[in-house]
Amino acid sequence: MEIRERDLRDAYVIEISGRMDTISSKDLDARLNCVIGRNIAKIVIDLEAVDYISSVGLRVLLASLKRQKENHRCLVLAALQPFVKDIFRVTGLEKIFSIYLSQQDAIEGRNFRRD
């Protein structure tokens, strides 16, 4: 898994590519903890290049969402591939996360989807 980060004026974007499995999710958890600790108002996690996500990856995202909400801040997801979108649907997590069609939509807060 590869993690790229960009600090924009309206959001902090984390782009993930590859597999979010048990081992690689630990790296993501550490990065998200660091970013959340900086009190960033809006975090956008772009999953466009993620082709697999394990239950550990889901837990990392869910725990990060919880921490952001506790601090009255926002964490949203963008550009889920069909396989990943199906995982969120089957687990019911699409009802918990704000999921956008694209990274730009997530940054701007438009075209919110709950497929």
C-alpha atoms as a PDB file:
ATOM      1  CA  MET A   1       0.000   0.000   0.000  1.00  0.00           C
ATOM      2  CA  GLU A   2       1.144   3.518  -0.776  1.00  0.00           C
ATOM      3  CA  ILE A   3      -0.057   6.618   1.059  1.00  0.00           C
ATOM      4  CA  ARG A   4       0.203  10.116  -0.420  1.00  0.00           C
ATOM      5  CA  GLU A   5      -0.880  13.249   1.414  1.00  0.00           C
ATOM      6  CA  ARG A   6      -1.759  16.766   0.297  1.00  0.00           C
ATOM      7  CA  ASP A   7      -2.679  19.669   2.506  1.00  0.00           C
ATOM      8  CA  LEU A   8      -5.145  21.844   0.610  1.00  0.00           C
ATOM      9  CA  ARG A   9      -6.857  24.941   1.877  1.00  0.00           C
ATOM     10  CA  ASP A  10     -10.275  23.274   2.176  1.00  0.00           C
ATOM     11  CA  ALA A  11      -9.223  19.748   3.151  1.00  0.00           C
ATOM     12  CA  TYR A  12      -6.360  17.419   3.958  1.00  0.00           C
ATOM     13  CA  VAL A  13      -6.332  14.685   1.307  1.00  0.00           C
ATOM     14  CA  ILE A  14      -4.947  11.210   1.884  1.00  0.00           C
ATOM     15  CA  GLU A  15      -4.678   9.128  -1.283  1.00  0.00           C
ATOM     16  CA  ILE A  16      -4.273   5.408  -0.766  1.00  0.00           C
ATOM     17  CA  SER A  17      -3.285   2.894  -3.435  1.00  0.00           C
ATOM     18  CA  GLY A  18      -2.899  -0.860  -3.337  1.00  0.00           C
ATOM     19  CA  ARG A  19      -4.163  -3.295  -0.737  1.00  0.00           C
ATOM     20  CA  MET A  20      -5.377  -2.257   2.698  1.00  0.00           C
ATOM     21  CA  ASP A  21      -4.596  -5.527   4.433  1.00  0.00           C
ATOM     22  CA  THR A  22      -3.708  -6.419   8.007  1.00  0.00           C
ATOM     23  CA  ILE A  23      -0.066  -5.388   7.714  1.00  0.00           C
ATOM     24  CA  SER A  24      -0.414  -2.241   5.606  1.00  0.00           C
ATOM     25  CA  SER A  25      -3.350  -0.940   7.641  1.00  0.00           C
ATOM     26  CA  LYS A  26      -0.987  -0.398  10.569  1.00  0.00           C
ATOM     27  CA  ASP A  27       0.871   2.218   8.501  1.00  0.00           C
ATOM     28  CA  LEU A  28      -2.396   3.913   7.618  1.00  0.00           C
ATOM     29  CA  ASP A  29      -3.494   3.907  11.257  1.00  0.00           C
ATOM     30  CA  ALA A  30      -0.250   5.620  12.277  1.00  0.00           C
ATOM     31  CA  ARG A  31      -0.604   8.263   9.535  1.00  0.00           C
ATOM     32  CA  LEU A  32      -4.244   8.951  10.377  1.00  0.00           C
ATOM     33  CA  ASN A  33      -3.447   9.254  14.093  1.00  0.00           C
ATOM     34  CA  CYS A  34      -0.795  11.833  13.238  1.00  0.00           C
ATOM     35  CA  VAL A  35      -3.109  13.819  10.962  1.00  0.00           C
ATOM     36  CA  ILE A  36      -6.029  13.696  13.395  1.00  0.00           C
ATOM     37  CA  GLY A  37      -3.693  14.860  16.156  1.00  0.00           C
ATOM     38  CA  ARG A  38      -3.049  18.028  14.142  1.00  0.00           C
ATOM     39  CA  ASN A  39      -6.731  19.025  14.526  1.00  0.00           C
ATOM     40  CA  ILE A  40      -7.432  19.218  10.815  1.00  0.00           C
ATOM     41  CA  ALA A  41     -11.061  20.154  10.192  1.00  0.00           C
ATOM     42  CA  LYS A  42     -11.696  18.005   7.101  1.00  0.00           C
ATOM     43  CA  ILE A  43      -9.899  14.843   6.043  1.00  0.00           C
ATOM     44  CA  VAL A  44     -10.680  13.304   2.658  1.00  0.00           C
ATOM     45  CA  ILE A  45      -9.544   9.721   2.158  1.00  0.00           C
ATOM     46  CA  ASP A  46      -9.361   8.914  -1.543  1.00  0.00           C
ATOM     47  CA  LEU A  47      -9.741   5.172  -2.143  1.00  0.00           C
ATOM     48  CA  GLU A  48      -9.785   5.283  -5.948  1.00  0.00           C
ATOM     49  CA  ALA A  49      -6.643   3.135  -6.250  1.00  0.00           C
ATOM     50  CA  VAL A  50      -7.524   0.667  -3.465  1.00  0.00           C
ATOM     51  CA  ASP A  51      -8.312  -2.762  -4.870  1.00  0.00           C
ATOM     52  CA  TYR A  52      -8.705  -4.646  -1.579  1.00  0.00           C
ATOM     53  CA  ILE A  53      -9.657  -3.752   1.982  1.00  0.00           C
ATOM     54  CA  SER A  54      -9.580  -6.137   4.930  1.00  0.00           C
ATOM     55  CA  SER A  55     -11.600  -5.996   8.135  1.00  0.00           C
ATOM     56  CA  VAL A  56      -8.555  -4.424   9.803  1.00  0.00           C
ATOM     57  CA  GLY A  57      -8.548  -1.665   7.162  1.00  0.00           C
ATOM     58  CA  LEU A  58     -12.238  -1.059   7.815  1.00  0.00           C
ATOM     59  CA  ARG A  59     -11.603  -0.843  11.560  1.00  0.00           C
ATOM     60  CA  VAL A  60      -8.815   1.702  11.025  1.00  0.00           C
ATOM     61  CA  LEU A  61     -11.117   3.905   8.959  1.00  0.00           C
ATOM     62  CA  LEU A  62     -13.979   3.535  11.436  1.00  0.00           C
ATOM     63  CA  ALA A  63     -11.779   4.360  14.445  1.00  0.00           C
ATOM     64  CA  SER A  64     -10.433   7.422  12.619  1.00  0.00           C
ATOM     65  CA  LEU A  65     -13.945   8.586  11.784  1.00  0.00           C
ATOM     66  CA  LYS A  66     -14.922   8.205  15.436  1.00  0.00           C
ATOM     67  CA  ARG A  67     -11.924  10.260  16.616  1.00  0.00           C
ATOM     68  CA  GLN A  68     -12.650  13.013  14.094  1.00  0.00           C
ATOM     69  CA  LYS A  69     -16.319  13.175  15.121  1.00  0.00           C
ATOM     70  CA  GLU A  70     -15.385  13.310  18.814  1.00  0.00           C
ATOM     71  CA  ASN A  71     -13.363  16.425  17.974  1.00  0.00           C
ATOM     72  CA  HIS A  72     -16.277  17.869  15.941  1.00  0.00           C
ATOM     73  CA  ARG A  73     -14.300  17.437  12.740  1.00  0.00           C
ATOM     74  CA  CYS A  74     -14.998  15.703   9.439  1.00  0.00           C
ATOM     75  CA  LEU A  75     -13.606  12.583   7.736  1.00  0.00           C
ATOM     76  CA  VAL A  76     -15.069  11.529   4.394  1.00  0.00           C
ATOM     77  CA  LEU A  77     -14.297   8.914   1.760  1.00  0.00           C
ATOM     78  CA  ALA A  78     -14.038   9.391  -1.987  1.00  0.00           C
ATOM     79  CA  ALA A  79     -13.926   7.409  -5.222  1.00  0.00           C
ATOM     80  CA  LEU A  80     -14.553   3.880  -3.970  1.00  0.00           C
ATOM     81  CA  GLN A  81     -14.008   1.149  -6.554  1.00  0.00           C
ATOM     82  CA  PRO A  82     -16.910  -1.325  -7.036  1.00  0.00           C
ATOM     83  CA  PHE A  83     -15.330  -4.069  -4.916  1.00  0.00           C
ATOM     84  CA  VAL A  84     -14.587  -1.698  -2.052  1.00  0.00           C
ATOM     85  CA  LYS A  85     -18.016  -0.078  -2.387  1.00  0.00           C
ATOM     86  CA  ASP A  86     -19.604  -3.544  -2.076  1.00  0.00           C
ATOM     87  CA  ILE A  87     -17.663  -4.183   1.146  1.00  0.00           C
ATOM     88  CA  PHE A  88     -18.988  -0.938   2.614  1.00  0.00           C
ATOM     89  CA  ARG A  89     -22.519  -1.856   1.517  1.00  0.00           C
ATOM     90  CA  VAL A  90     -22.417  -5.413   2.909  1.00  0.00           C
ATOM     91  CA  THR A  91     -20.987  -4.273   6.255  1.00  0.00           C
ATOM     92  CA  GLY A  92     -23.425  -1.377   6.551  1.00  0.00           C
ATOM     93  CA  LEU A  93     -20.574   1.125   6.760  1.00  0.00           C
ATOM     94  CA  GLU A  94     -21.958   3.107   3.823  1.00  0.00           C
ATOM     95  CA  LYS A  95     -24.582   4.342   6.297  1.00  0.00           C
ATOM     96  CA  ILE A  96     -21.897   5.592   8.688  1.00  0.00           C
ATOM     97  CA  PHE A  97     -19.395   7.215   6.319  1.00  0.00           C
ATOM     98  CA  SER A  98     -20.006  10.133   3.986  1.00  0.00           C
ATOM     99  CA  ILE A  99     -18.957   8.755   0.604  1.00  0.00           C
ATOM    100  CA  TYR A 100     -18.407  10.927  -2.447  1.00  0.00           C
ATOM    101  CA  LEU A 101     -18.030  10.014  -6.118  1.00  0.00           C
ATOM    102  CA  SER A 102     -14.710  11.797  -6.542  1.00  0.00           C
ATOM    103  CA  GLN A 103     -11.993  13.467  -4.528  1.00  0.00           C
ATOM    104  CA  GLN A 104     -13.026  16.896  -5.812  1.00  0.00           C
ATOM    105  CA  ASP A 105     -16.663  16.264  -4.867  1.00  0.00           C
ATOM    106  CA  ALA A 106     -15.532  15.302  -1.363  1.00  0.00           C
ATOM    107  CA  ILE A 107     -13.407  18.428  -1.010  1.00  0.00           C
ATOM    108  CA  GLU A 108     -16.261  20.629  -2.166  1.00  0.00           C
ATOM    109  CA  GLY A 109     -18.970  18.647  -0.352  1.00  0.00           C
ATOM    110  CA  ARG A 110     -21.068  18.013  -3.457  1.00  0.00           C
ATOM    111  CA  ASN A 111     -22.646  14.924  -5.016  1.00  0.00           C
ATOM    112  CA  PHE A 112     -22.797  13.027  -1.746  1.00  0.00           C
ATOM    113  CA  ARG A 113     -23.793   9.402  -2.369  1.00  0.00           C
ATOM    114  CA  ARG A 114     -25.154   6.568  -0.288  1.00  0.00           C
ATOM    115  CA  ASP A 115     -25.345   3.865  -2.967  1.00  0.00           C
END
